Amino acid sequence: MTTYLITRHDGAKRWVFAHVTEYGLQINKVLPHLDPSTLERGDVVVGTLPIQIVADLCDAGITYYHLTLKLPKEKRGLELSMDELDEFEAHLERFEVRRWKDLSEKT
């Protein structure tokens, strides 16, 4: 099992490395962009990935932790420091995402 941090943002890298052990995780590799072909069932990905990619990861047996923030709209698209991430209540949340093939499906 390999745990990947997927980000190109320095503040996010610093924040994750400062807090990752609180979540029982240890980052093995940091990549600026995800290449799903390099992942294996049982791997863990930490990042801020689009939902359709997270669904693909979950379908492949990969665990996903999202770096969640309460980000004010005036800060969107800006580089954030580790202190700003703390200010915006950064935390990791595990998500399991499934894609529905038909909107009429219930379960």
PDB file of N, CA and C in Angstrom:
ATOM      1  N   MET A   1       0.841  -1.182   0.000  1.00  0.00           N
ATOM      2  CA  MET A   1       0.000   0.000   0.000  1.00  0.00           C
ATOM      3  C   MET A   1       0.886   1.245   0.000  1.00  0.00           C
ATOM      4  N   THR A   2       0.550   2.170  -0.861  1.00  0.00           N
ATOM      5  CA  THR A   2       1.256   3.446  -0.943  1.00  0.00           C
ATOM      6  C   THR A   2       0.251   4.560  -0.699  1.00  0.00           C
ATOM      7  N   THR A   3       0.657   5.565   0.071  1.00  0.00           N
ATOM      8  CA  THR A   3      -0.196   6.727   0.311  1.00  0.00           C
ATOM      9  C   THR A   3       0.376   7.910  -0.456  1.00  0.00           C
ATOM     10  N   TYR A   4      -0.450   8.468  -1.340  1.00  0.00           N
ATOM     11  CA  TYR A   4      -0.058   9.569  -2.213  1.00  0.00           C
ATOM     12  C   TYR A   4      -0.721  10.867  -1.763  1.00  0.00           C
ATOM     13  N   LEU A   5       0.032  11.943  -1.780  1.00  0.00           N
ATOM     14  CA  LEU A   5      -0.531  13.283  -1.655  1.00  0.00           C
ATOM     15  C   LEU A   5      -0.484  13.893  -3.046  1.00  0.00           C
ATOM     16  N   ILE A   6      -1.657  14.280  -3.550  1.00  0.00           N
ATOM     17  CA  ILE A   6      -1.746  14.857  -4.885  1.00  0.00           C
ATOM     18  C   ILE A   6      -2.054  16.346  -4.731  1.00  0.00           C
ATOM     19  N   THR A   7      -1.039  17.173  -4.919  1.00  0.00           N
ATOM     20  CA  THR A   7      -1.219  18.628  -4.885  1.00  0.00           C
ATOM     21  C   THR A   7       0.006  19.299  -5.481  1.00  0.00           C
ATOM     22  N   ARG A   8      -0.220  20.467  -6.025  1.00  0.00           N
ATOM     23  CA  ARG A   8       0.900  21.283  -6.497  1.00  0.00           C
ATOM     24  C   ARG A   8       1.035  22.534  -5.629  1.00  0.00           C
ATOM     25  N   HIS A   9       0.285  22.589  -4.532  1.00  0.00           N
ATOM     26  CA  HIS A   9       0.259  23.756  -3.654  1.00  0.00           C
ATOM     27  C   HIS A   9       1.135  23.543  -2.423  1.00  0.00           C
ATOM     28  N   ASP A  10       2.101  24.429  -2.240  1.00  0.00           N
ATOM     29  CA  ASP A  10       3.053  24.298  -1.143  1.00  0.00           C
ATOM     30  C   ASP A  10       2.371  24.356   0.227  1.00  0.00           C
ATOM     31  N   GLY A  11       1.420  25.265   0.408  1.00  0.00           N
ATOM     32  CA  GLY A  11       0.721  25.370   1.689  1.00  0.00           C
ATOM     33  C   GLY A  11      -0.021  24.091   2.034  1.00  0.00           C
ATOM     34  N   ALA A  12      -0.647  23.482   1.038  1.00  0.00           N
ATOM     35  CA  ALA A  12      -1.355  22.215   1.266  1.00  0.00           C
ATOM     36  C   ALA A  12      -0.372  21.116   1.643  1.00  0.00           C
ATOM     37  N   LYS A  13       0.758  21.052   0.954  1.00  0.00           N
ATOM     38  CA  LYS A  13       1.781  20.050   1.305  1.00  0.00           C
ATOM     39  C   LYS A  13       2.215  20.216   2.752  1.00  0.00           C
ATOM     40  N   ARG A  14       2.527  21.450   3.127  1.00  0.00           N
ATOM     41  CA  ARG A  14       2.987  21.712   4.496  1.00  0.00           C
ATOM     42  C   ARG A  14       1.914  21.339   5.513  1.00  0.00           C
ATOM     43  N   TRP A  15       0.661  21.717   5.231  1.00  0.00           N
ATOM     44  CA  TRP A  15      -0.421  21.421   6.167  1.00  0.00           C
ATOM     45  C   TRP A  15      -0.590  19.911   6.321  1.00  0.00           C
ATOM     46  N   VAL A  16      -0.639  19.197   5.214  1.00  0.00           N
ATOM     47  CA  VAL A  16      -0.839  17.743   5.278  1.00  0.00           C
ATOM     48  C   VAL A  16       0.298  17.084   6.045  1.00  0.00           C
ATOM     49  N   PHE A  17       1.527  17.439   5.760  1.00  0.00           N
ATOM     50  CA  PHE A  17       2.643  16.811   6.474  1.00  0.00           C
ATOM     51  C   PHE A  17       2.628  17.145   7.963  1.00  0.00           C
ATOM     52  N   ALA A  18       2.107  18.314   8.335  1.00  0.00           N
ATOM     53  CA  ALA A  18       2.026  18.686   9.749  1.00  0.00           C
ATOM     54  C   ALA A  18       0.912  17.944  10.484  1.00  0.00           C
ATOM     55  N   HIS A  19      -0.110  17.472   9.744  1.00  0.00           N
ATOM     56  CA  HIS A  19      -1.298  16.909  10.396  1.00  0.00           C
ATOM     57  C   HIS A  19      -1.612  15.460  10.034  1.00  0.00           C
ATOM     58  N   VAL A  20      -0.946  14.895   9.066  1.00  0.00           N
ATOM     59  CA  VAL A  20      -1.340  13.596   8.508  1.00  0.00           C
ATOM     60  C   VAL A  20      -1.344  12.474   9.549  1.00  0.00           C
ATOM     61  N   THR A  21      -0.424  12.519  10.502  1.00  0.00           N
ATOM     62  CA  THR A  21      -0.379  11.437  11.499  1.00  0.00           C
ATOM     63  C   THR A  21      -1.596  11.467  12.418  1.00  0.00           C
ATOM     64  N   GLU A  22      -2.252  12.616  12.541  1.00  0.00           N
ATOM     65  CA  GLU A  22      -3.490  12.706  13.329  1.00  0.00           C
ATOM     66  C   GLU A  22      -4.584  11.828  12.725  1.00  0.00           C
ATOM     67  N   TYR A  23      -4.442  11.496  11.466  1.00  0.00           N
ATOM     68  CA  TYR A  23      -5.424  10.682  10.750  1.00  0.00           C
ATOM     69  C   TYR A  23      -4.936   9.248  10.565  1.00  0.00           C
ATOM     70  N   GLY A  24      -3.836   8.911  11.202  1.00  0.00           N
ATOM     71  CA  GLY A  24      -3.294   7.555  11.099  1.00  0.00           C
ATOM     72  C   GLY A  24      -2.669   7.251   9.753  1.00  0.00           C
ATOM     73  N   LEU A  25      -2.249   8.280   9.050  1.00  0.00           N
ATOM     74  CA  LEU A  25      -1.678   8.117   7.712  1.00  0.00           C
ATOM     75  C   LEU A  25      -0.219   8.554   7.694  1.00  0.00           C
ATOM     76  N   GLN A  26       0.500   8.061   6.698  1.00  0.00           N
ATOM     77  CA  GLN A  26       1.874   8.495   6.432  1.00  0.00           C
ATOM     78  C   GLN A  26       2.008   8.637   4.924  1.00  0.00           C
ATOM     79  N   ILE A  27       2.389   9.809   4.462  1.00  0.00           N
ATOM     80  CA  ILE A  27       2.534  10.063   3.028  1.00  0.00           C
ATOM     81  C   ILE A  27       3.821   9.421   2.527  1.00  0.00           C
ATOM     82  N   ASN A  28       3.700   8.612   1.457  1.00  0.00           N
ATOM     83  CA  ASN A  28       4.868   7.980   0.842  1.00  0.00           C
ATOM     84  C   ASN A  28       5.361   8.716  -0.397  1.00  0.00           C
ATOM     85  N   LYS A  29       4.423   9.309  -1.149  1.00  0.00           N
ATOM     86  CA  LYS A  29       4.795   9.994  -2.393  1.00  0.00           C
ATOM     87  C   LYS A  29       3.941  11.243  -2.556  1.00  0.00           C
ATOM     88  N   VAL A  30       4.569  12.314  -3.045  1.00  0.00           N
ATOM     89  CA  VAL A  30       3.867  13.558  -3.359  1.00  0.00           C
ATOM     90  C   VAL A  30       3.967  13.774  -4.863  1.00  0.00           C
ATOM     91  N   LEU A  31       2.808  13.983  -5.496  1.00  0.00           N
ATOM     92  CA  LEU A  31       2.759  14.208  -6.944  1.00  0.00           C
ATOM     93  C   LEU A  31       1.935  15.459  -7.234  1.00  0.00           C
ATOM     94  N   PRO A  32       2.333  16.255  -8.242  1.00  0.00           N
ATOM     95  CA  PRO A  32       1.552  17.444  -8.572  1.00  0.00           C
ATOM     96  C   PRO A  32       0.249  17.117  -9.298  1.00  0.00           C
ATOM     97  N   HIS A  33       0.210  15.981  -9.974  1.00  0.00           N
ATOM     98  CA  HIS A  33      -0.979  15.563 -10.722  1.00  0.00           C
ATOM     99  C   HIS A  33      -1.135  14.056 -10.583  1.00  0.00           C
ATOM    100  N   LEU A  34      -2.363  13.594 -10.619  1.00  0.00           N
ATOM    101  CA  LEU A  34      -2.659  12.174 -10.463  1.00  0.00           C
ATOM    102  C   LEU A  34      -2.543  11.441 -11.792  1.00  0.00           C
ATOM    103  N   ASP A  35      -1.857  10.318 -11.770  1.00  0.00           N
ATOM    104  CA  ASP A  35      -1.842   9.382 -12.893  1.00  0.00           C
ATOM    105  C   ASP A  35      -2.454   8.091 -12.370  1.00  0.00           C
ATOM    106  N   PRO A  36      -3.768   7.886 -12.575  1.00  0.00           N
ATOM    107  CA  PRO A  36      -4.440   6.716 -12.007  1.00  0.00           C
ATOM    108  C   PRO A  36      -3.820   5.384 -12.414  1.00  0.00           C
ATOM    109  N   SER A  37      -3.124   5.345 -13.545  1.00  0.00           N
ATOM    110  CA  SER A  37      -2.539   4.079 -13.997  1.00  0.00           C
ATOM    111  C   SER A  37      -1.411   3.604 -13.082  1.00  0.00           C
ATOM    112  N   THR A  38      -0.883   4.477 -12.232  1.00  0.00           N
ATOM    113  CA  THR A  38       0.200   4.085 -11.320  1.00  0.00           C
ATOM    114  C   THR A  38      -0.323   3.560  -9.987  1.00  0.00           C
ATOM    115  N   LEU A  39      -1.632   3.664  -9.758  1.00  0.00           N
ATOM    116  CA  LEU A  39      -2.213   3.273  -8.472  1.00  0.00           C
ATOM    117  C   LEU A  39      -2.618   1.806  -8.469  1.00  0.00           C
ATOM    118  N   GLU A  40      -2.643   1.231  -7.272  1.00  0.00           N
ATOM    119  CA  GLU A  40      -3.059  -0.159  -7.097  1.00  0.00           C
ATOM    120  C   GLU A  40      -4.143  -0.239  -6.036  1.00  0.00           C
ATOM    121  N   ARG A  41      -4.968  -1.275  -6.141  1.00  0.00           N
ATOM    122  CA  ARG A  41      -5.989  -1.536  -5.123  1.00  0.00           C
ATOM    123  C   ARG A  41      -5.315  -1.511  -3.752  1.00  0.00           C
ATOM    124  N   GLY A  42      -5.947  -0.830  -2.787  1.00  0.00           N
ATOM    125  CA  GLY A  42      -5.393  -0.727  -1.442  1.00  0.00           C
ATOM    126  C   GLY A  42      -4.582   0.533  -1.201  1.00  0.00           C
ATOM    127  N   ASP A  43      -4.224   1.253  -2.280  1.00  0.00           N
ATOM    128  CA  ASP A  43      -3.504   2.514  -2.114  1.00  0.00           C
ATOM    129  C   ASP A  43      -4.430   3.561  -1.498  1.00  0.00           C
ATOM    130  N   VAL A  44      -3.828   4.632  -1.009  1.00  0.00           N
ATOM    131  CA  VAL A  44      -4.559   5.747  -0.409  1.00  0.00           C
ATOM    132  C   VAL A  44      -4.145   7.020  -1.136  1.00  0.00           C
ATOM    133  N   VAL A  45      -5.132   7.858  -1.454  1.00  0.00           N
ATOM    134  CA  VAL A  45      -4.869   9.139  -2.102  1.00  0.00           C
ATOM    135  C   VAL A  45      -5.424  10.246  -1.210  1.00  0.00           C
ATOM    136  N   VAL A  46      -4.611  11.279  -0.989  1.00  0.00           N
ATOM    137  CA  VAL A  46      -5.010  12.474  -0.254  1.00  0.00           C
ATOM    138  C   VAL A  46      -4.926  13.637  -1.228  1.00  0.00           C
ATOM    139  N   GLY A  47      -5.980  14.457  -1.301  1.00  0.00           N
ATOM    140  CA  GLY A  47      -5.934  15.588  -2.214  1.00  0.00           C
ATOM    141  C   GLY A  47      -7.234  16.351  -2.255  1.00  0.00           C
ATOM    142  N   THR A  48      -7.420  17.088  -3.343  1.00  0.00           N
ATOM    143  CA  THR A  48      -8.657  17.837  -3.599  1.00  0.00           C
ATOM    144  C   THR A  48      -9.081  17.557  -5.037  1.00  0.00           C
ATOM    145  N   LEU A  49      -9.421  16.324  -5.286  1.00  0.00           N
ATOM    146  CA  LEU A  49      -9.698  15.867  -6.646  1.00  0.00           C
ATOM    147  C   LEU A  49     -11.167  16.044  -7.019  1.00  0.00           C
ATOM    148  N   PRO A  50     -11.463  16.172  -8.313  1.00  0.00           N
ATOM    149  CA  PRO A  50     -12.848  16.240  -8.781  1.00  0.00           C
ATOM    150  C   PRO A  50     -13.604  14.945  -8.458  1.00  0.00           C
ATOM    151  N   ILE A  51     -14.898  15.081  -8.237  1.00  0.00           N
ATOM    152  CA  ILE A  51     -15.717  13.965  -7.775  1.00  0.00           C
ATOM    153  C   ILE A  51     -15.702  12.777  -8.737  1.00  0.00           C
ATOM    154  N   GLN A  52     -15.670  13.012 -10.055  1.00  0.00           N
ATOM    155  CA  GLN A  52     -15.681  11.895 -10.999  1.00  0.00           C
ATOM    156  C   GLN A  52     -14.391  11.083 -10.906  1.00  0.00           C
ATOM    157  N   ILE A  53     -13.285  11.736 -10.603  1.00  0.00           N
ATOM    158  CA  ILE A  53     -12.021  11.018 -10.424  1.00  0.00           C
ATOM    159  C   ILE A  53     -12.047  10.232  -9.120  1.00  0.00           C
ATOM    160  N   VAL A  54     -12.612  10.825  -8.072  1.00  0.00           N
ATOM    161  CA  VAL A  54     -12.740  10.114  -6.794  1.00  0.00           C
ATOM    162  C   VAL A  54     -13.607   8.872  -6.973  1.00  0.00           C
ATOM    163  N   ALA A  55     -14.673   8.968  -7.758  1.00  0.00           N
ATOM    164  CA  ALA A  55     -15.518   7.797  -8.025  1.00  0.00           C
ATOM    165  C   ALA A  55     -14.707   6.697  -8.704  1.00  0.00           C
ATOM    166  N   ASP A  56     -13.881   7.055  -9.668  1.00  0.00           N
ATOM    167  CA  ASP A  56     -13.031   6.063 -10.342  1.00  0.00           C
ATOM    168  C   ASP A  56     -12.058   5.417  -9.359  1.00  0.00           C
ATOM    169  N   LEU A  57     -11.462   6.226  -8.477  1.00  0.00           N
ATOM    170  CA  LEU A  57     -10.542   5.682  -7.477  1.00  0.00           C
ATOM    171  C   LEU A  57     -11.256   4.690  -6.569  1.00  0.00           C
ATOM    172  N   CYS A  58     -12.411   5.069  -6.077  1.00  0.00           N
ATOM    173  CA  CYS A  58     -13.169   4.186  -5.180  1.00  0.00           C
ATOM    174  C   CYS A  58     -13.545   2.889  -5.887  1.00  0.00           C
ATOM    175  N   ASP A  59     -13.959   2.976  -7.144  1.00  0.00           N
ATOM    176  CA  ASP A  59     -14.282   1.770  -7.918  1.00  0.00           C
ATOM    177  C   ASP A  59     -13.076   0.848  -8.045  1.00  0.00           C
ATOM    178  N   ALA A  60     -11.877   1.423  -8.028  1.00  0.00           N
ATOM    179  CA  ALA A  60     -10.641   0.641  -8.174  1.00  0.00           C
ATOM    180  C   ALA A  60     -10.101   0.144  -6.832  1.00  0.00           C
ATOM    181  N   GLY A  61     -10.850   0.380  -5.740  1.00  0.00           N
ATOM    182  CA  GLY A  61     -10.408  -0.103  -4.432  1.00  0.00           C
ATOM    183  C   GLY A  61      -9.363   0.773  -3.773  1.00  0.00           C
ATOM    184  N   ILE A  62      -9.350   2.041  -4.140  1.00  0.00           N
ATOM    185  CA  ILE A  62      -8.401   3.004  -3.578  1.00  0.00           C
ATOM    186  C   ILE A  62      -9.149   3.886  -2.581  1.00  0.00           C
ATOM    187  N   THR A  63      -8.548   4.134  -1.434  1.00  0.00           N
ATOM    188  CA  THR A  63      -9.148   4.967  -0.391  1.00  0.00           C
ATOM    189  C   THR A  63      -8.809   6.426  -0.663  1.00  0.00           C
ATOM    190  N   TYR A  64      -9.804   7.311  -0.501  1.00  0.00           N
ATOM    191  CA  TYR A  64      -9.601   8.731  -0.790  1.00  0.00           C
ATOM    192  C   TYR A  64      -9.902   9.594   0.429  1.00  0.00           C
ATOM    193  N   TYR A  65      -8.945  10.460   0.773  1.00  0.00           N
ATOM    194  CA  TYR A  65      -9.120  11.480   1.806  1.00  0.00           C
ATOM    195  C   TYR A  65      -9.070  12.845   1.141  1.00  0.00           C
ATOM    196  N   HIS A  66     -10.079  13.661   1.411  1.00  0.00           N
ATOM    197  CA  HIS A  66     -10.181  14.990   0.810  1.00  0.00           C
ATOM    198  C   HIS A  66      -9.706  16.048   1.796  1.00  0.00           C
ATOM    199  N   LEU A  67      -8.886  16.970   1.321  1.00  0.00           N
ATOM    200  CA  LEU A  67      -8.492  18.120   2.129  1.00  0.00           C
ATOM    201  C   LEU A  67      -9.621  19.140   2.038  1.00  0.00           C
ATOM    202  N   THR A  68     -10.412  19.200   3.094  1.00  0.00           N
ATOM    203  CA  THR A  68     -11.612  20.020   3.133  1.00  0.00           C
ATOM    204  C   THR A  68     -11.322  21.342   3.838  1.00  0.00           C
ATOM    205  N   LEU A  69     -11.873  22.429   3.298  1.00  0.00           N
ATOM    206  CA  LEU A  69     -11.701  23.770   3.867  1.00  0.00           C
ATOM    207  C   LEU A  69     -13.035  24.496   3.886  1.00  0.00           C
ATOM    208  N   LYS A  70     -13.168  25.457   4.780  1.00  0.00           N
ATOM    209  CA  LYS A  70     -14.260  26.430   4.720  1.00  0.00           C
ATOM    210  C   LYS A  70     -13.652  27.687   4.103  1.00  0.00           C
ATOM    211  N   LEU A  71     -13.590  27.683   2.790  1.00  0.00           N
ATOM    212  CA  LEU A  71     -12.845  28.699   2.052  1.00  0.00           C
ATOM    213  C   LEU A  71     -13.761  29.833   1.598  1.00  0.00           C
ATOM    214  N   PRO A  72     -13.483  31.076   2.031  1.00  0.00           N
ATOM    215  CA  PRO A  72     -14.287  32.195   1.541  1.00  0.00           C
ATOM    216  C   PRO A  72     -14.053  32.411   0.045  1.00  0.00           C
ATOM    217  N   LYS A  73     -15.094  32.856  -0.651  1.00  0.00           N
ATOM    218  CA  LYS A  73     -14.969  32.946  -2.111  1.00  0.00           C
ATOM    219  C   LYS A  73     -13.864  33.890  -2.559  1.00  0.00           C
ATOM    220  N   GLU A  74     -13.521  34.895  -1.777  1.00  0.00           N
ATOM    221  CA  GLU A  74     -12.448  35.807  -2.197  1.00  0.00           C
ATOM    222  C   GLU A  74     -11.062  35.158  -2.134  1.00  0.00           C
ATOM    223  N   LYS A  75     -10.963  33.991  -1.499  1.00  0.00           N
ATOM    224  CA  LYS A  75      -9.682  33.273  -1.409  1.00  0.00           C
ATOM    225  C   LYS A  75      -9.568  32.145  -2.436  1.00  0.00           C
ATOM    226  N   ARG A  76     -10.650  31.879  -3.177  1.00  0.00           N
ATOM    227  CA  ARG A  76     -10.615  30.806  -4.176  1.00  0.00           C
ATOM    228  C   ARG A  76      -9.611  31.130  -5.271  1.00  0.00           C
ATOM    229  N   GLY A  77      -8.845  30.112  -5.659  1.00  0.00           N
ATOM    230  CA  GLY A  77      -7.872  30.269  -6.731  1.00  0.00           C
ATOM    231  C   GLY A  77      -6.548  30.880  -6.305  1.00  0.00           C
ATOM    232  N   LEU A  78      -6.411  31.190  -5.013  1.00  0.00           N
ATOM    233  CA  LEU A  78      -5.171  31.781  -4.512  1.00  0.00           C
ATOM    234  C   LEU A  78      -4.328  30.729  -3.807  1.00  0.00           C
ATOM    235  N   GLU A  79      -3.023  30.957  -3.787  1.00  0.00           N
ATOM    236  CA  GLU A  79      -2.139  30.105  -2.989  1.00  0.00           C
ATOM    237  C   GLU A  79      -2.382  30.419  -1.520  1.00  0.00           C
ATOM    238  N   LEU A  80      -2.563  29.387  -0.717  1.00  0.00           N
ATOM    239  CA  LEU A  80      -2.819  29.569   0.710  1.00  0.00           C
ATOM    240  C   LEU A  80      -1.644  29.058   1.522  1.00  0.00           C
ATOM    241  N   SER A  81      -1.338  29.761   2.593  1.00  0.00           N
ATOM    242  CA  SER A  81      -0.280  29.318   3.501  1.00  0.00           C
ATOM    243  C   SER A  81      -0.837  28.257   4.448  1.00  0.00           C
ATOM    244  N   MET A  82       0.056  27.596   5.150  1.00  0.00           N
ATOM    245  CA  MET A  82      -0.362  26.623   6.149  1.00  0.00           C
ATOM    246  C   MET A  82      -1.222  27.306   7.218  1.00  0.00           C
ATOM    247  N   ASP A  83      -0.854  28.522   7.616  1.00  0.00           N
ATOM    248  CA  ASP A  83      -1.639  29.260   8.615  1.00  0.00           C
ATOM    249  C   ASP A  83      -3.039  29.574   8.095  1.00  0.00           C
ATOM    250  N   GLU A  84      -3.138  29.946   6.833  1.00  0.00           N
ATOM    251  CA  GLU A  84      -4.463  30.211   6.255  1.00  0.00           C
ATOM    252  C   GLU A  84      -5.292  28.937   6.208  1.00  0.00           C
ATOM    253  N   LEU A  85      -4.668  27.812   5.893  1.00  0.00           N
ATOM    254  CA  LEU A  85      -5.404  26.547   5.889  1.00  0.00           C
ATOM    255  C   LEU A  85      -5.953  26.258   7.280  1.00  0.00           C
ATOM    256  N   ASP A  86      -5.161  26.505   8.315  1.00  0.00           N
ATOM    257  CA  ASP A  86      -5.665  26.350   9.686  1.00  0.00           C
ATOM    258  C   ASP A  86      -6.818  27.311   9.950  1.00  0.00           C
ATOM    259  N   GLU A  87      -6.667  28.558   9.518  1.00  0.00           N
ATOM    260  CA  GLU A  87      -7.708  29.570   9.701  1.00  0.00           C
ATOM    261  C   GLU A  87      -9.020  29.139   9.037  1.00  0.00           C
ATOM    262  N   PHE A  88      -8.920  28.459   7.901  1.00  0.00           N
ATOM    263  CA  PHE A  88     -10.108  28.030   7.163  1.00  0.00           C
ATOM    264  C   PHE A  88     -10.532  26.607   7.532  1.00  0.00           C
ATOM    265  N   GLU A  89     -10.100  26.176   8.724  1.00  0.00           N
ATOM    266  CA  GLU A  89     -10.525  24.901   9.325  1.00  0.00           C
ATOM    267  C   GLU A  89     -10.221  23.689   8.445  1.00  0.00           C
ATOM    268  N   ALA A  90      -9.028  23.663   7.892  1.00  0.00           N
ATOM    269  CA  ALA A  90      -8.620  22.522   7.066  1.00  0.00           C
ATOM    270  C   ALA A  90      -8.669  21.240   7.884  1.00  0.00           C
ATOM    271  N   HIS A  91      -9.113  20.182   7.238  1.00  0.00           N
ATOM    272  CA  HIS A  91      -9.106  18.848   7.840  1.00  0.00           C
ATOM    273  C   HIS A  91      -9.241  17.823   6.722  1.00  0.00           C
ATOM    274  N   LEU A  92      -8.856  16.592   7.024  1.00  0.00           N
ATOM    275  CA  LEU A  92      -9.003  15.506   6.057  1.00  0.00           C
ATOM    276  C   LEU A  92     -10.285  14.756   6.346  1.00  0.00           C
ATOM    277  N   GLU A  93     -11.017  14.444   5.282  1.00  0.00           N
ATOM    278  CA  GLU A  93     -12.239  13.645   5.387  1.00  0.00           C
ATOM    279  C   GLU A  93     -12.152  12.494   4.397  1.00  0.00           C
ATOM    280  N   ARG A  94     -12.492  11.305   4.872  1.00  0.00           N
ATOM    281  CA  ARG A  94     -12.513  10.151   3.972  1.00  0.00           C
ATOM    282  C   ARG A  94     -13.844  10.136   3.233  1.00  0.00           C
ATOM    283  N   PHE A  95     -13.760   9.938   1.925  1.00  0.00           N
ATOM    284  CA  PHE A  95     -14.956   9.860   1.090  1.00  0.00           C
ATOM    285  C   PHE A  95     -14.961   8.550   0.321  1.00  0.00           C
ATOM    286  N   GLU A  96     -16.149   7.984   0.183  1.00  0.00           N
ATOM    287  CA  GLU A  96     -16.390   6.853  -0.713  1.00  0.00           C
ATOM    288  C   GLU A  96     -17.457   7.317  -1.688  1.00  0.00           C
ATOM    289  N   VAL A  97     -17.091   7.427  -2.946  1.00  0.00           N
ATOM    290  CA  VAL A  97     -17.975   7.979  -3.972  1.00  0.00           C
ATOM    291  C   VAL A  97     -18.326   6.885  -4.961  1.00  0.00           C
ATOM    292  N   ARG A  98     -19.605   6.798  -5.297  1.00  0.00           N
ATOM    293  CA  ARG A  98     -20.087   5.836  -6.294  1.00  0.00           C
ATOM    294  C   ARG A  98     -20.808   6.587  -7.394  1.00  0.00           C
ATOM    295  N   ARG A  99     -20.586   6.165  -8.613  1.00  0.00           N
ATOM    296  CA  ARG A  99     -21.238   6.758  -9.780  1.00  0.00           C
ATOM    297  C   ARG A  99     -22.534   6.001 -10.051  1.00  0.00           C
ATOM    298  N   TRP A 100     -23.628   6.729 -10.232  1.00  0.00           N
ATOM    299  CA  TRP A 100     -24.912   6.128 -10.597  1.00  0.00           C
ATOM    300  C   TRP A 100     -25.011   6.116 -12.111  1.00  0.00           C
ATOM    301  N   LYS A 101     -25.411   4.980 -12.651  1.00  0.00           N
ATOM    302  CA  LYS A 101     -25.537   4.868 -14.109  1.00  0.00           C
ATOM    303  C   LYS A 101     -26.857   5.448 -14.604  1.00  0.00           C
ATOM    304  N   ASP A 102     -27.859   5.454 -13.730  1.00  0.00           N
ATOM    305  CA  ASP A 102     -29.193   5.889 -14.108  1.00  0.00           C
ATOM    306  C   ASP A 102     -29.766   6.694 -12.945  1.00  0.00           C
ATOM    307  N   LEU A 103     -30.280   7.858 -13.225  1.00  0.00           N
ATOM    308  CA  LEU A 103     -30.817   8.705 -12.159  1.00  0.00           C
ATOM    309  C   LEU A 103     -32.000   8.071 -11.440  1.00  0.00           C
ATOM    310  N   SER A 104     -32.668   7.097 -12.056  1.00  0.00           N
ATOM    311  CA  SER A 104     -33.819   6.461 -11.415  1.00  0.00           C
ATOM    312  C   SER A 104     -33.414   5.375 -10.430  1.00  0.00           C
ATOM    313  N   GLU A 105     -32.128   4.960 -10.420  1.00  0.00           N
ATOM    314  CA  GLU A 105     -31.675   3.929  -9.484  1.00  0.00           C
ATOM    315  C   GLU A 105     -31.723   4.471  -8.066  1.00  0.00           C
ATOM    316  N   LYS A 106     -32.197   3.634  -7.136  1.00  0.00           N
ATOM    317  CA  LYS A 106     -32.321   4.051  -5.733  1.00  0.00           C
ATOM    318  C   LYS A 106     -31.143   3.575  -4.901  1.00  0.00           C
ATOM    319  N   THR A 107     -30.702   2.342  -5.089  1.00  0.00           N
ATOM    320  CA  THR A 107     -29.588   1.797  -4.294  1.00  0.00           C
ATOM    321  C   THR A 107     -28.716   0.929  -5.156  1.00  0.00           C
TER     322      THR A 107
END
